[in-house]
Amino acid sequence: MNLLLAQCTPQREPIAAEQLPTWLGQVPGWQPDAENKLIARAFRFENYYQTMAFVNAVAELAHAQDHHPDLMVSYGACTVSFSTHSAKGLTSNDFICAAQVSALPEAESAQ
C-alpha cells in the first residue's frame, strides 16, 4: 500500500502485534508507545511561525482524512500522536496519516 496516496477508512480492529514492525518500517522516525496503542513523532522548528505553519498543515491533512491526531505544541516543536480510538489501538489509518504528515513540506524543512 502506498501510504502517501491512501485514504483513511473506518477501522474497528487494531493491527496485529506481529504486523507492527512492517507498518513502522514505512514511517521512519515514528515510535510506538509501550502498549503499541499509539505512534508519535516530534518535529523541531527554528521558530514559532514555522511550528504553527506545520500545525496548520497537519490540521488540514487531518480534516481531509477525517483522522485527527493529538498535538503537543511549543515554541519550536510539535509532537504528533496518532491512535484509532474506535479500534483501541493502531490501524492503517494511523500509518497513512503518519506518512502523510512526514511528507508535508513544513515537516521537510524541520529535518
PDB file of N, CA and C in Angstrom:
ATOM      1  N   MET A   1       0.838  -1.178   0.000  1.00  0.00           N
ATOM      2  CA  MET A   1       0.000   0.000   0.000  1.00  0.00           C
ATOM      3  C   MET A   1       0.883   1.241   0.000  1.00  0.00           C
ATOM      4  N   ASN A   2       0.611   2.162  -0.903  1.00  0.00           N
ATOM      5  CA  ASN A   2       1.320   3.438  -0.917  1.00  0.00           C
ATOM      6  C   ASN A   2       0.626   4.365   0.075  1.00  0.00           C
ATOM      7  N   LEU A   3       1.243   4.562   1.236  1.00  0.00           N
ATOM      8  CA  LEU A   3       0.618   5.336   2.297  1.00  0.00           C
ATOM      9  C   LEU A   3       0.396   6.793   1.913  1.00  0.00           C
ATOM     10  N   LEU A   4       1.232   7.321   1.039  1.00  0.00           N
ATOM     11  CA  LEU A   4       1.089   8.720   0.647  1.00  0.00           C
ATOM     12  C   LEU A   4      -0.145   8.959  -0.210  1.00  0.00           C
ATOM     13  N   LEU A   5      -0.628   7.927  -0.894  1.00  0.00           N
ATOM     14  CA  LEU A   5      -1.791   8.061  -1.763  1.00  0.00           C
ATOM     15  C   LEU A   5      -3.061   7.490  -1.132  1.00  0.00           C
ATOM     16  N   ALA A   6      -2.935   6.810  -0.026  1.00  0.00           N
ATOM     17  CA  ALA A   6      -4.062   6.116   0.593  1.00  0.00           C
ATOM     18  C   ALA A   6      -5.006   7.082   1.289  1.00  0.00           C
ATOM     19  N   GLN A   7      -6.234   6.647   1.432  1.00  0.00           N
ATOM     20  CA  GLN A   7      -7.269   7.392   2.158  1.00  0.00           C
ATOM     21  C   GLN A   7      -7.703   6.582   3.375  1.00  0.00           C
ATOM     22  N   CYS A   8      -7.951   7.271   4.468  1.00  0.00           N
ATOM     23  CA  CYS A   8      -8.422   6.606   5.675  1.00  0.00           C
ATOM     24  C   CYS A   8      -9.854   6.108   5.480  1.00  0.00           C
ATOM     25  N   THR A   9     -10.136   4.978   6.106  1.00  0.00           N
ATOM     26  CA  THR A   9     -11.467   4.385   6.093  1.00  0.00           C
ATOM     27  C   THR A   9     -11.826   3.998   7.526  1.00  0.00           C
ATOM     28  N   PRO A  10     -13.100   3.835   7.835  1.00  0.00           N
ATOM     29  CA  PRO A  10     -13.464   3.428   9.197  1.00  0.00           C
ATOM     30  C   PRO A  10     -12.772   2.117   9.586  1.00  0.00           C
ATOM     31  N   GLN A  11     -12.214   2.085  10.775  1.00  0.00           N
ATOM     32  CA  GLN A  11     -11.486   0.916  11.270  1.00  0.00           C
ATOM     33  C   GLN A  11     -11.988   0.576  12.665  1.00  0.00           C
ATOM     34  N   ARG A  12     -12.221  -0.681  12.925  1.00  0.00           N
ATOM     35  CA  ARG A  12     -12.685  -1.138  14.241  1.00  0.00           C
ATOM     36  C   ARG A  12     -11.722  -2.120  14.903  1.00  0.00           C
ATOM     37  N   GLU A  13     -10.807  -2.690  14.126  1.00  0.00           N
ATOM     38  CA  GLU A  13      -9.871  -3.679  14.669  1.00  0.00           C
ATOM     39  C   GLU A  13      -8.443  -3.158  14.559  1.00  0.00           C
ATOM     40  N   PRO A  14      -7.663  -3.283  15.627  1.00  0.00           N
ATOM     41  CA  PRO A  14      -6.266  -2.837  15.559  1.00  0.00           C
ATOM     42  C   PRO A  14      -5.403  -3.790  14.733  1.00  0.00           C
ATOM     43  N   ILE A  15      -4.276  -3.278  14.311  1.00  0.00           N
ATOM     44  CA  ILE A  15      -3.280  -4.083  13.603  1.00  0.00           C
ATOM     45  C   ILE A  15      -2.733  -5.133  14.569  1.00  0.00           C
ATOM     46  N   ALA A  16      -2.523  -6.335  14.084  1.00  0.00           N
ATOM     47  CA  ALA A  16      -1.946  -7.407  14.909  1.00  0.00           C
ATOM     48  C   ALA A  16      -0.515  -7.049  15.308  1.00  0.00           C
ATOM     49  N   ALA A  17      -0.142  -7.393  16.509  1.00  0.00           N
ATOM     50  CA  ALA A  17       1.177  -7.048  17.049  1.00  0.00           C
ATOM     51  C   ALA A  17       2.309  -7.513  16.139  1.00  0.00           C
ATOM     52  N   GLU A  18       2.172  -8.685  15.525  1.00  0.00           N
ATOM     53  CA  GLU A  18       3.255  -9.193  14.667  1.00  0.00           C
ATOM     54  C   GLU A  18       3.392  -8.395  13.367  1.00  0.00           C
ATOM     55  N   GLN A  19       2.383  -7.627  12.991  1.00  0.00           N
ATOM     56  CA  GLN A  19       2.448  -6.802  11.782  1.00  0.00           C
ATOM     57  C   GLN A  19       3.032  -5.415  12.051  1.00  0.00           C
ATOM     58  N   LEU A  20       3.109  -5.036  13.301  1.00  0.00           N
ATOM     59  CA  LEU A  20       3.561  -3.694  13.659  1.00  0.00           C
ATOM     60  C   LEU A  20       4.938  -3.334  13.097  1.00  0.00           C
ATOM     61  N   PRO A  21       5.955  -4.197  13.168  1.00  0.00           N
ATOM     62  CA  PRO A  21       7.258  -3.826  12.601  1.00  0.00           C
ATOM     63  C   PRO A  21       7.193  -3.479  11.109  1.00  0.00           C
ATOM     64  N   THR A  22       6.375  -4.173  10.353  1.00  0.00           N
ATOM     65  CA  THR A  22       6.237  -3.881   8.919  1.00  0.00           C
ATOM     66  C   THR A  22       5.643  -2.491   8.719  1.00  0.00           C
ATOM     67  N   TRP A  23       4.603  -2.177   9.478  1.00  0.00           N
ATOM     68  CA  TRP A  23       3.980  -0.859   9.362  1.00  0.00           C
ATOM     69  C   TRP A  23       4.946   0.237   9.818  1.00  0.00           C
ATOM     70  N   LEU A  24       5.649   0.019  10.920  1.00  0.00           N
ATOM     71  CA  LEU A  24       6.602   1.024  11.419  1.00  0.00           C
ATOM     72  C   LEU A  24       7.736   1.258  10.426  1.00  0.00           C
ATOM     73  N   GLY A  25       8.123   0.233   9.690  1.00  0.00           N
ATOM     74  CA  GLY A  25       9.175   0.378   8.690  1.00  0.00           C
ATOM     75  C   GLY A  25       8.808   1.331   7.570  1.00  0.00           C
ATOM     76  N   GLN A  26       7.530   1.605   7.416  1.00  0.00           N
ATOM     77  CA  GLN A  26       7.067   2.510   6.370  1.00  0.00           C
ATOM     78  C   GLN A  26       6.993   3.969   6.835  1.00  0.00           C
ATOM     79  N   VAL A  27       7.191   4.208   8.134  1.00  0.00           N
ATOM     80  CA  VAL A  27       7.113   5.572   8.664  1.00  0.00           C
ATOM     81  C   VAL A  27       8.328   5.862   9.558  1.00  0.00           C
ATOM     82  N   PRO A  28       9.487   6.064   8.939  1.00  0.00           N
ATOM     83  CA  PRO A  28      10.707   6.325   9.714  1.00  0.00           C
ATOM     84  C   PRO A  28      10.518   7.505  10.676  1.00  0.00           C
ATOM     85  N   GLY A  29      11.062   7.338  11.879  1.00  0.00           N
ATOM     86  CA  GLY A  29      11.005   8.401  12.869  1.00  0.00           C
ATOM     87  C   GLY A  29       9.818   8.316  13.804  1.00  0.00           C
ATOM     88  N   TRP A  30       8.816   7.542  13.450  1.00  0.00           N
ATOM     89  CA  TRP A  30       7.633   7.391  14.298  1.00  0.00           C
ATOM     90  C   TRP A  30       7.877   6.236  15.259  1.00  0.00           C
ATOM     91  N   GLN A  31       7.491   6.435  16.512  1.00  0.00           N
ATOM     92  CA  GLN A  31       7.730   5.434  17.551  1.00  0.00           C
ATOM     93  C   GLN A  31       6.408   5.045  18.219  1.00  0.00           C
ATOM     94  N   PRO A  32       6.229   3.759  18.519  1.00  0.00           N
ATOM     95  CA  PRO A  32       5.035   3.348  19.261  1.00  0.00           C
ATOM     96  C   PRO A  32       5.229   3.602  20.755  1.00  0.00           C
ATOM     97  N   ASP A  33       4.123   3.724  21.479  1.00  0.00           N
ATOM     98  CA  ASP A  33       4.215   3.784  22.929  1.00  0.00           C
ATOM     99  C   ASP A  33       4.434   2.365  23.458  1.00  0.00           C
ATOM    100  N   ALA A  34       4.594   2.228  24.756  1.00  0.00           N
ATOM    101  CA  ALA A  34       4.914   0.928  25.356  1.00  0.00           C
ATOM    102  C   ALA A  34       3.831  -0.111  25.129  1.00  0.00           C
ATOM    103  N   GLU A  35       2.591   0.332  24.967  1.00  0.00           N
ATOM    104  CA  GLU A  35       1.483  -0.611  24.794  1.00  0.00           C
ATOM    105  C   GLU A  35       1.082  -0.788  23.337  1.00  0.00           C
ATOM    106  N   ASN A  36       1.824  -0.172  22.418  1.00  0.00           N
ATOM    107  CA  ASN A  36       1.503  -0.215  20.982  1.00  0.00           C
ATOM    108  C   ASN A  36       0.089   0.278  20.697  1.00  0.00           C
ATOM    109  N   LYS A  37      -0.326   1.310  21.417  1.00  0.00           N
ATOM    110  CA  LYS A  37      -1.658   1.884  21.230  1.00  0.00           C
ATOM    111  C   LYS A  37      -1.611   3.180  20.431  1.00  0.00           C
ATOM    112  N   LEU A  38      -0.417   3.767  20.292  1.00  0.00           N
ATOM    113  CA  LEU A  38      -0.269   4.989  19.505  1.00  0.00           C
ATOM    114  C   LEU A  38       1.129   5.061  18.926  1.00  0.00           C
ATOM    115  N   ILE A  39       1.269   5.898  17.896  1.00  0.00           N
ATOM    116  CA  ILE A  39       2.594   6.214  17.359  1.00  0.00           C
ATOM    117  C   ILE A  39       2.767   7.719  17.446  1.00  0.00           C
ATOM    118  N   ALA A  40       4.003   8.148  17.677  1.00  0.00           N
ATOM    119  CA  ALA A  40       4.280   9.572  17.845  1.00  0.00           C
ATOM    120  C   ALA A  40       5.623   9.925  17.227  1.00  0.00           C
ATOM    121  N   ARG A  41       5.720  11.203  16.871  1.00  0.00           N
ATOM    122  CA  ARG A  41       6.981  11.721  16.355  1.00  0.00           C
ATOM    123  C   ARG A  41       7.069  13.199  16.709  1.00  0.00           C
ATOM    124  N   ALA A  42       8.251  13.627  17.140  1.00  0.00           N
ATOM    125  CA  ALA A  42       8.499  15.034  17.441  1.00  0.00           C
ATOM    126  C   ALA A  42       9.134  15.704  16.223  1.00  0.00           C
ATOM    127  N   PHE A  43       8.625  16.857  15.882  1.00  0.00           N
ATOM    128  CA  PHE A  43       9.173  17.675  14.804  1.00  0.00           C
ATOM    129  C   PHE A  43       9.700  18.963  15.424  1.00  0.00           C
ATOM    130  N   ARG A  44      10.899  19.381  15.028  1.00  0.00           N
ATOM    131  CA  ARG A  44      11.532  20.582  15.584  1.00  0.00           C
ATOM    132  C   ARG A  44      11.618  21.659  14.508  1.00  0.00           C
ATOM    133  N   PHE A  45      11.494  22.923  14.969  1.00  0.00           N
ATOM    134  CA  PHE A  45      11.486  24.065  14.061  1.00  0.00           C
ATOM    135  C   PHE A  45      12.351  25.186  14.618  1.00  0.00           C
ATOM    136  N   GLU A  46      12.699  26.112  13.746  1.00  0.00           N
ATOM    137  CA  GLU A  46      13.557  27.231  14.158  1.00  0.00           C
ATOM    138  C   GLU A  46      12.798  28.291  14.936  1.00  0.00           C
ATOM    139  N   ASN A  47      11.492  28.402  14.699  1.00  0.00           N
ATOM    140  CA  ASN A  47      10.740  29.461  15.363  1.00  0.00           C
ATOM    141  C   ASN A  47       9.262  29.085  15.449  1.00  0.00           C
ATOM    142  N   TYR A  48       8.525  29.938  16.145  1.00  0.00           N
ATOM    143  CA  TYR A  48       7.102  29.685  16.369  1.00  0.00           C
ATOM    144  C   TYR A  48       6.300  29.746  15.069  1.00  0.00           C
ATOM    145  N   TYR A  49       6.661  30.650  14.188  1.00  0.00           N
ATOM    146  CA  TYR A  49       5.946  30.760  12.913  1.00  0.00           C
ATOM    147  C   TYR A  49       6.026  29.445  12.133  1.00  0.00           C
ATOM    148  N   GLN A  50       7.197  28.861  12.038  1.00  0.00           N
ATOM    149  CA  GLN A  50       7.348  27.590  11.323  1.00  0.00           C
ATOM    150  C   GLN A  50       6.573  26.476  12.025  1.00  0.00           C
ATOM    151  N   THR A  51       6.601  26.478  13.348  1.00  0.00           N
ATOM    152  CA  THR A  51       5.850  25.478  14.100  1.00  0.00           C
ATOM    153  C   THR A  51       4.364  25.582  13.784  1.00  0.00           C
ATOM    154  N   MET A  52       3.830  26.799  13.806  1.00  0.00           N
ATOM    155  CA  MET A  52       2.400  26.981  13.572  1.00  0.00           C
ATOM    156  C   MET A  52       2.027  26.691  12.115  1.00  0.00           C
ATOM    157  N   ALA A  53       2.910  26.967  11.176  1.00  0.00           N
ATOM    158  CA  ALA A  53       2.646  26.605   9.779  1.00  0.00           C
ATOM    159  C   ALA A  53       2.512  25.083   9.666  1.00  0.00           C
ATOM    160  N   PHE A  54       3.372  24.363  10.359  1.00  0.00           N
ATOM    161  CA  PHE A  54       3.300  22.898  10.380  1.00  0.00           C
ATOM    162  C   PHE A  54       1.992  22.440  11.023  1.00  0.00           C
ATOM    163  N   VAL A  55       1.649  22.996  12.166  1.00  0.00           N
ATOM    164  CA  VAL A  55       0.414  22.616  12.861  1.00  0.00           C
ATOM    165  C   VAL A  55      -0.793  22.834  11.950  1.00  0.00           C
ATOM    166  N   ASN A  56      -0.834  23.962  11.249  1.00  0.00           N
ATOM    167  CA  ASN A  56      -1.956  24.237  10.347  1.00  0.00           C
ATOM    168  C   ASN A  56      -1.997  23.242   9.191  1.00  0.00           C
ATOM    169  N   ALA A  57      -0.837  22.867   8.668  1.00  0.00           N
ATOM    170  CA  ALA A  57      -0.789  21.879   7.583  1.00  0.00           C
ATOM    171  C   ALA A  57      -1.269  20.515   8.092  1.00  0.00           C
ATOM    172  N   VAL A  58      -0.884  20.145   9.303  1.00  0.00           N
ATOM    173  CA  VAL A  58      -1.346  18.887   9.892  1.00  0.00           C
ATOM    174  C   VAL A  58      -2.862  18.928  10.076  1.00  0.00           C
ATOM    175  N   ALA A  59      -3.384  20.060  10.514  1.00  0.00           N
ATOM    176  CA  ALA A  59      -4.827  20.192  10.716  1.00  0.00           C
ATOM    177  C   ALA A  59      -5.583  20.013   9.399  1.00  0.00           C
ATOM    178  N   GLU A  60      -5.067  20.580   8.320  1.00  0.00           N
ATOM    179  CA  GLU A  60      -5.711  20.415   7.007  1.00  0.00           C
ATOM    180  C   GLU A  60      -5.698  18.956   6.570  1.00  0.00           C
ATOM    181  N   LEU A  61      -4.554  18.302   6.742  1.00  0.00           N
ATOM    182  CA  LEU A  61      -4.453  16.889   6.381  1.00  0.00           C
ATOM    183  C   LEU A  61      -5.413  16.047   7.219  1.00  0.00           C
ATOM    184  N   ALA A  62      -5.463  16.302   8.513  1.00  0.00           N
ATOM    185  CA  ALA A  62      -6.337  15.542   9.404  1.00  0.00           C
ATOM    186  C   ALA A  62      -7.806  15.728   9.025  1.00  0.00           C
ATOM    187  N   HIS A  63      -8.161  16.936   8.670  1.00  0.00           N
ATOM    188  CA  HIS A  63      -9.536  17.201   8.252  1.00  0.00           C
ATOM    189  C   HIS A  63      -9.856  16.443   6.961  1.00  0.00           C
ATOM    190  N   ALA A  64      -8.930  16.473   6.009  1.00  0.00           N
ATOM    191  CA  ALA A  64      -9.148  15.795   4.725  1.00  0.00           C
ATOM    192  C   ALA A  64      -9.270  14.283   4.912  1.00  0.00           C
ATOM    193  N   GLN A  65      -8.511  13.722   5.838  1.00  0.00           N
ATOM    194  CA  GLN A  65      -8.532  12.273   6.086  1.00  0.00           C
ATOM    195  C   GLN A  65      -9.589  11.876   7.122  1.00  0.00           C
ATOM    196  N   ASP A  66     -10.159  12.857   7.808  1.00  0.00           N
ATOM    197  CA  ASP A  66     -11.093  12.608   8.904  1.00  0.00           C
ATOM    198  C   ASP A  66     -10.469  11.670   9.941  1.00  0.00           C
ATOM    199  N   HIS A  67      -9.199  11.936  10.237  1.00  0.00           N
ATOM    200  CA  HIS A  67      -8.449  11.169  11.245  1.00  0.00           C
ATOM    201  C   HIS A  67      -7.545  12.173  11.950  1.00  0.00           C
ATOM    202  N   HIS A  68      -7.843  12.459  13.191  1.00  0.00           N
ATOM    203  CA  HIS A  68      -7.260  13.606  13.879  1.00  0.00           C
ATOM    204  C   HIS A  68      -6.257  13.195  14.953  1.00  0.00           C
ATOM    205  N   PRO A  69      -5.049  13.774  14.894  1.00  0.00           N
ATOM    206  CA  PRO A  69      -4.013  13.430  15.870  1.00  0.00           C
ATOM    207  C   PRO A  69      -4.136  14.269  17.134  1.00  0.00           C
ATOM    208  N   ASP A  70      -3.402  13.857  18.136  1.00  0.00           N
ATOM    209  CA  ASP A  70      -3.146  14.711  19.289  1.00  0.00           C
ATOM    210  C   ASP A  70      -1.878  15.479  18.958  1.00  0.00           C
ATOM    211  N   LEU A  71      -1.872  16.772  19.266  1.00  0.00           N
ATOM    212  CA  LEU A  71      -0.719  17.621  19.005  1.00  0.00           C
ATOM    213  C   LEU A  71      -0.265  18.266  20.309  1.00  0.00           C
ATOM    214  N   MET A  72       1.035  18.231  20.546  1.00  0.00           N
ATOM    215  CA  MET A  72       1.617  18.962  21.654  1.00  0.00           C
ATOM    216  C   MET A  72       2.535  20.015  21.029  1.00  0.00           C
ATOM    217  N   VAL A  73       2.178  21.264  21.217  1.00  0.00           N
ATOM    218  CA  VAL A  73       2.844  22.356  20.511  1.00  0.00           C
ATOM    219  C   VAL A  73       3.595  23.238  21.496  1.00  0.00           C
ATOM    220  N   SER A  74       4.829  23.582  21.130  1.00  0.00           N
ATOM    221  CA  SER A  74       5.604  24.559  21.885  1.00  0.00           C
ATOM    222  C   SER A  74       6.285  25.497  20.883  1.00  0.00           C
ATOM    223  N   TYR A  75       7.095  26.397  21.361  1.00  0.00           N
ATOM    224  CA  TYR A  75       7.689  27.425  20.502  1.00  0.00           C
ATOM    225  C   TYR A  75       8.345  26.849  19.249  1.00  0.00           C
ATOM    226  N   GLY A  76       9.197  25.893  19.406  1.00  0.00           N
ATOM    227  CA  GLY A  76       9.949  25.368  18.273  1.00  0.00           C
ATOM    228  C   GLY A  76       9.785  23.881  18.058  1.00  0.00           C
ATOM    229  N   ALA A  77       8.648  23.340  18.483  1.00  0.00           N
ATOM    230  CA  ALA A  77       8.453  21.894  18.326  1.00  0.00           C
ATOM    231  C   ALA A  77       6.962  21.551  18.328  1.00  0.00           C
ATOM    232  N   CYS A  78       6.686  20.430  17.713  1.00  0.00           N
ATOM    233  CA  CYS A  78       5.339  19.864  17.746  1.00  0.00           C
ATOM    234  C   CYS A  78       5.475  18.349  17.745  1.00  0.00           C
ATOM    235  N   THR A  79       4.869  17.718  18.725  1.00  0.00           N
ATOM    236  CA  THR A  79       4.813  16.266  18.751  1.00  0.00           C
ATOM    237  C   THR A  79       3.429  15.846  18.270  1.00  0.00           C
ATOM    238  N   VAL A  80       3.413  14.958  17.287  1.00  0.00           N
ATOM    239  CA  VAL A  80       2.180  14.474  16.684  1.00  0.00           C
ATOM    240  C   VAL A  80       2.000  13.020  17.104  1.00  0.00           C
ATOM    241  N   SER A  81       0.805  12.686  17.596  1.00  0.00           N
ATOM    242  CA  SER A  81       0.491  11.321  18.012  1.00  0.00           C
ATOM    243  C   SER A  81      -0.786  10.865  17.325  1.00  0.00           C
ATOM    244  N   PHE A  82      -0.736   9.656  16.772  1.00  0.00           N
ATOM    245  CA  PHE A  82      -1.905   9.060  16.141  1.00  0.00           C
ATOM    246  C   PHE A  82      -2.294   7.779  16.853  1.00  0.00           C
ATOM    247  N   SER A  83      -3.595   7.566  16.979  1.00  0.00           N
ATOM    248  CA  SER A  83      -4.177   6.346  17.502  1.00  0.00           C
ATOM    249  C   SER A  83      -5.600   6.283  16.967  1.00  0.00           C
ATOM    250  N   THR A  84      -6.121   5.079  16.805  1.00  0.00           N
ATOM    251  CA  THR A  84      -7.509   4.935  16.370  1.00  0.00           C
ATOM    252  C   THR A  84      -8.327   4.524  17.581  1.00  0.00           C
ATOM    253  N   HIS A  85      -9.025   5.498  18.144  1.00  0.00           N
ATOM    254  CA  HIS A  85      -9.752   5.270  19.391  1.00  0.00           C
ATOM    255  C   HIS A  85     -10.849   4.213  19.230  1.00  0.00           C
ATOM    256  N   SER A  86     -11.504   4.191  18.060  1.00  0.00           N
ATOM    257  CA  SER A  86     -12.574   3.210  17.848  1.00  0.00           C
ATOM    258  C   SER A  86     -12.041   1.777  17.831  1.00  0.00           C
ATOM    259  N   ALA A  87     -10.762   1.611  17.508  1.00  0.00           N
ATOM    260  CA  ALA A  87     -10.146   0.280  17.494  1.00  0.00           C
ATOM    261  C   ALA A  87      -9.347   0.011  18.765  1.00  0.00           C
ATOM    262  N   LYS A  88      -9.232   1.031  19.615  1.00  0.00           N
ATOM    263  CA  LYS A  88      -8.449   0.921  20.849  1.00  0.00           C
ATOM    264  C   LYS A  88      -7.006   0.501  20.572  1.00  0.00           C
ATOM    265  N   GLY A  89      -6.448   1.067  19.505  1.00  0.00           N
ATOM    266  CA  GLY A  89      -5.067   0.759  19.145  1.00  0.00           C
ATOM    267  C   GLY A  89      -4.714   1.356  17.809  1.00  0.00           C
ATOM    268  N   LEU A  90      -3.728   0.778  17.176  1.00  0.00           N
ATOM    269  CA  LEU A  90      -3.230   1.277  15.894  1.00  0.00           C
ATOM    270  C   LEU A  90      -3.907   0.571  14.726  1.00  0.00           C
ATOM    271  N   THR A  91      -4.234   1.355  13.699  1.00  0.00           N
ATOM    272  CA  THR A  91      -4.792   0.816  12.461  1.00  0.00           C
ATOM    273  C   THR A  91      -4.024   1.407  11.290  1.00  0.00           C
ATOM    274  N   SER A  92      -4.364   0.956  10.110  1.00  0.00           N
ATOM    275  CA  SER A  92      -3.714   1.505   8.912  1.00  0.00           C
ATOM    276  C   SER A  92      -3.904   3.014   8.828  1.00  0.00           C
ATOM    277  N   ASN A  93      -5.008   3.546   9.337  1.00  0.00           N
ATOM    278  CA  ASN A  93      -5.241   4.994   9.299  1.00  0.00           C
ATOM    279  C   ASN A  93      -4.132   5.772   9.984  1.00  0.00           C
ATOM    280  N   ASP A  94      -3.632   5.252  11.083  1.00  0.00           N
ATOM    281  CA  ASP A  94      -2.568   5.934  11.821  1.00  0.00           C
ATOM    282  C   ASP A  94      -1.292   6.012  10.992  1.00  0.00           C
ATOM    283  N   PHE A  95      -0.997   4.970  10.271  1.00  0.00           N
ATOM    284  CA  PHE A  95       0.217   4.934   9.457  1.00  0.00           C
ATOM    285  C   PHE A  95       0.056   5.744   8.174  1.00  0.00           C
ATOM    286  N   ILE A  96      -1.143   5.749   7.619  1.00  0.00           N
ATOM    287  CA  ILE A  96      -1.421   6.595   6.450  1.00  0.00           C
ATOM    288  C   ILE A  96      -1.171   8.053   6.824  1.00  0.00           C
ATOM    289  N   CYS A  97      -1.757   8.479   7.924  1.00  0.00           N
ATOM    290  CA  CYS A  97      -1.606   9.874   8.330  1.00  0.00           C
ATOM    291  C   CYS A  97      -0.180  10.198   8.770  1.00  0.00           C
ATOM    292  N   ALA A  98       0.478   9.266   9.441  1.00  0.00           N
ATOM    293  CA  ALA A  98       1.875   9.496   9.844  1.00  0.00           C
ATOM    294  C   ALA A  98       2.753   9.713   8.621  1.00  0.00           C
ATOM    295  N   ALA A  99       2.593   8.879   7.610  1.00  0.00           N
ATOM    296  CA  ALA A  99       3.386   9.030   6.389  1.00  0.00           C
ATOM    297  C   ALA A  99       3.091  10.361   5.715  1.00  0.00           C
ATOM    298  N   GLN A 100       1.829  10.741   5.678  1.00  0.00           N
ATOM    299  CA  GLN A 100       1.457  11.982   5.009  1.00  0.00           C
ATOM    300  C   GLN A 100       1.915  13.209   5.797  1.00  0.00           C
ATOM    301  N   VAL A 101       1.901  13.153   7.119  1.00  0.00           N
ATOM    302  CA  VAL A 101       2.437  14.246   7.927  1.00  0.00           C
ATOM    303  C   VAL A 101       3.938  14.371   7.684  1.00  0.00           C
ATOM    304  N   SER A 102       4.641  13.252   7.673  1.00  0.00           N
ATOM    305  CA  SER A 102       6.095  13.285   7.441  1.00  0.00           C
ATOM    306  C   SER A 102       6.452  13.860   6.075  1.00  0.00           C
ATOM    307  N   ALA A 103       5.551  13.721   5.105  1.00  0.00           N
ATOM    308  CA  ALA A 103       5.808  14.205   3.745  1.00  0.00           C
ATOM    309  C   ALA A 103       5.428  15.668   3.537  1.00  0.00           C
ATOM    310  N   LEU A 104       4.830  16.300   4.539  1.00  0.00           N
ATOM    311  CA  LEU A 104       4.467  17.711   4.387  1.00  0.00           C
ATOM    312  C   LEU A 104       5.710  18.557   4.133  1.00  0.00           C
ATOM    313  N   PRO A 105       5.621  19.548   3.253  1.00  0.00           N
ATOM    314  CA  PRO A 105       6.778  20.435   3.037  1.00  0.00           C
ATOM    315  C   PRO A 105       7.248  21.086   4.330  1.00  0.00           C
ATOM    316  N   GLU A 106       6.316  21.417   5.221  1.00  0.00           N
ATOM    317  CA  GLU A 106       6.676  22.021   6.502  1.00  0.00           C
ATOM    318  C   GLU A 106       7.481  21.057   7.357  1.00  0.00           C
ATOM    319  N   ALA A 107       7.198  19.769   7.258  1.00  0.00           N
ATOM    320  CA  ALA A 107       7.943  18.759   8.008  1.00  0.00           C
ATOM    321  C   ALA A 107       9.337  18.602   7.418  1.00  0.00           C
ATOM    322  N   GLU A 108       9.425  18.648   6.085  1.00  0.00           N
ATOM    323  CA  GLU A 108      10.731  18.532   5.426  1.00  0.00           C
ATOM    324  C   GLU A 108      11.685  19.627   5.883  1.00  0.00           C
ATOM    325  N   SER A 109      11.170  20.850   6.074  1.00  0.00           N
ATOM    326  CA  SER A 109      12.043  21.954   6.479  1.00  0.00           C
ATOM    327  C   SER A 109      12.490  21.803   7.933  1.00  0.00           C
ATOM    328  N   ALA A 110      11.788  20.957   8.707  1.00  0.00           N
ATOM    329  CA  ALA A 110      12.143  20.761  10.102  1.00  0.00           C
ATOM    330  C   ALA A 110      13.273  19.786  10.294  1.00  0.00           C
ATOM    331  N   GLN A 111      13.627  19.035   9.296  1.00  0.00           N
ATOM    332  CA  GLN A 111      14.612  17.974   9.425  1.00  0.00           C
ATOM    333  C   GLN A 111      16.009  18.530   9.625  1.00  0.00           C
TER     334      GLN A 111
END
